[in-house]
């Protein structure tokens, strides 16, 4: 099993999920839009991610092109499952109640959640 990404690794993965295969320089430029990060820091982190099996790397001339091996959906599921198990004693209800309890959920988001719950309910009736 591939280790869970750190916060820094997640930043890089989010960039790769959004823009696709990229060089270290391209990733570093995006990271520097939020906060200053040295090129060598980005390079080292991406090399570590490659060694962990989170990224693949192909050579193109003198540069390497990195691609995320972890999907966004699988990573979200892994992180939510860990959060649910460690903080909410495995209870999806407690997790959802906490997430929705801060009153920042928009009416549109609530409608989408209701629609999704209706779909799940319909699917369970058909099983």
Protein backbone atom coordinates (compact mmCIF):
# COMPACT_ATOMS: atom_id res chain seq x y z
CA UNK A 1 0.00 0.00 0.00
CA UNK A 2 1.28 3.46 -0.93
CA UNK A 3 1.84 5.70 2.12
CA UNK A 4 -0.65 8.46 2.79
CA UNK A 5 0.53 11.77 1.30
CA UNK A 6 1.76 14.56 3.56
CA UNK A 7 0.35 18.09 3.23
CA UNK A 8 3.25 19.12 0.98
CA UNK A 9 2.78 16.05 -1.18
CA UNK A 10 -0.95 16.78 -1.44
CA UNK A 11 -0.17 20.27 -2.76
CA UNK A 12 1.90 18.73 -5.55
CA UNK A 13 -0.70 16.05 -6.26
CA UNK A 14 -3.47 18.68 -6.53
CA UNK A 15 -1.41 20.56 -9.12
CA UNK A 16 -0.77 17.39 -11.11
CA UNK A 17 -4.45 16.38 -10.94
CA UNK A 18 -5.41 19.80 -12.27
CA UNK A 19 -2.82 20.35 -14.99
CA UNK A 20 -1.62 16.83 -15.77
CA UNK A 21 1.97 15.65 -16.29
CA UNK A 22 4.41 18.43 -15.42
CA UNK A 23 8.07 19.27 -14.85
CA UNK A 24 9.48 20.23 -11.46
CA UNK A 25 9.82 23.81 -12.70
CA UNK A 26 6.13 23.96 -13.69
CA UNK A 27 5.06 22.58 -10.31
CA UNK A 28 7.39 24.96 -8.50
CA UNK A 29 5.96 27.96 -10.36
CA UNK A 30 2.43 27.06 -9.23
CA UNK A 31 3.57 26.47 -5.63
CA UNK A 32 5.27 29.88 -5.63
CA UNK A 33 1.95 31.57 -6.42
CA UNK A 34 0.84 30.69 -2.85
CA UNK A 35 4.13 30.90 -0.97
CA UNK A 36 7.82 30.98 -1.80
CA UNK A 37 9.23 27.50 -2.28
CA UNK A 38 12.73 26.82 -3.53
CA UNK A 39 13.19 24.80 -6.70
CA UNK A 40 15.46 22.30 -4.95
CA UNK A 41 12.85 21.81 -2.21
CA UNK A 42 10.21 20.99 -4.81
CA UNK A 43 12.63 18.72 -6.68
CA UNK A 44 13.55 16.79 -3.52
CA UNK A 45 9.92 16.35 -2.47
CA UNK A 46 8.96 15.10 -5.94
CA UNK A 47 11.91 12.66 -5.91
CA UNK A 48 10.71 11.33 -2.54
CA UNK A 49 7.17 11.02 -3.92
CA UNK A 50 8.58 9.07 -6.88
CA UNK A 51 10.45 6.76 -4.51
CA UNK A 52 7.24 6.22 -2.49
CA UNK A 53 5.33 5.26 -5.64
CA UNK A 54 3.10 8.36 -5.65
CA UNK A 55 4.54 9.75 -8.92
CA UNK A 56 5.94 8.30 -12.11
CA UNK A 57 8.71 10.02 -14.00
CA UNK A 58 9.74 9.97 -17.65
CA UNK A 59 12.75 11.66 -19.17
CA UNK A 60 12.19 14.27 -21.86
CA UNK A 61 15.50 15.72 -23.00
CA UNK A 62 17.26 17.02 -19.91
CA UNK A 63 14.09 17.28 -17.81
CA UNK A 64 11.79 14.80 -16.15
CA UNK A 65 8.03 14.83 -16.58
CA UNK A 66 6.15 13.73 -13.46
CA UNK A 67 2.70 12.15 -13.42
CA UNK A 68 0.52 11.40 -10.40
CA UNK A 69 0.07 7.68 -9.80
CA UNK A 70 -2.52 8.34 -7.10
CA UNK A 71 -5.96 9.36 -8.26
CA UNK A 72 -7.75 12.24 -6.61
CA UNK A 73 -10.76 10.07 -5.76
CA UNK A 74 -8.70 7.24 -4.21
CA UNK A 75 -6.64 9.72 -2.19
CA UNK A 76 -9.76 11.51 -0.91
CA UNK A 77 -11.30 8.17 0.06
CA UNK A 78 -8.14 7.08 1.89
CA UNK A 79 -7.90 10.37 3.82
CA UNK A 80 -11.62 10.50 4.68
CA UNK A 81 -11.59 6.86 5.83
CA UNK A 82 -8.61 7.57 8.09
CA UNK A 83 -10.30 10.69 9.48
CA UNK A 84 -13.58 8.83 10.02
CA UNK A 85 -11.85 5.93 11.79
CA UNK A 86 -9.43 7.95 13.92
CA UNK A 87 -11.59 10.93 14.89
CA UNK A 88 -15.18 9.73 14.58
CA UNK A 89 -14.85 6.10 15.76
CA UNK A 90 -15.79 4.87 12.28
CA UNK A 91 -19.09 6.76 12.22
CA UNK A 92 -19.94 8.32 8.85
CA UNK A 93 -22.90 10.03 10.53
CA UNK A 94 -20.68 11.85 13.05
CA UNK A 95 -18.29 12.88 10.27
CA UNK A 96 -21.09 14.28 8.08
CA UNK A 97 -22.81 16.00 11.00
CA UNK A 98 -19.54 17.72 11.94
CA UNK A 99 -18.85 18.73 8.34
CA UNK A 100 -22.33 20.23 7.89
CA UNK A 101 -22.63 21.67 11.38
CA UNK A 102 -20.51 24.76 10.80
CA UNK A 103 -23.33 26.48 8.87
CA UNK A 104 -21.07 27.37 5.92
CA UNK A 105 -22.75 24.91 3.55
CA UNK A 106 -24.61 26.75 0.79
CA UNK A 107 -28.20 26.03 -0.19
CA UNK A 108 -26.96 24.68 -3.52
CA UNK A 109 -24.55 22.30 -1.78
CA UNK A 110 -27.32 21.11 0.54
CA UNK A 111 -29.54 20.42 -2.48
CA UNK A 112 -26.77 18.41 -4.12
CA UNK A 113 -26.30 16.45 -0.87
CA UNK A 114 -30.05 15.73 -0.68
CA UNK A 115 -30.07 14.59 -4.32
CA UNK A 116 -27.09 12.33 -3.66
CA UNK A 117 -28.75 10.84 -0.56
CA UNK A 118 -31.91 10.23 -2.59
CA UNK A 119 -29.83 8.39 -5.21
CA UNK A 120 -28.19 6.25 -2.52
CA UNK A 121 -31.60 5.51 -1.01
CA UNK A 122 -33.02 4.49 -4.41
CA UNK A 123 -30.00 2.24 -5.06
CA UNK A 124 -30.34 0.50 -1.69
CA UNK A 125 -34.04 -0.16 -2.38
CA UNK A 126 -33.09 -1.88 -5.64
CA UNK A 127 -30.51 -4.16 -3.95
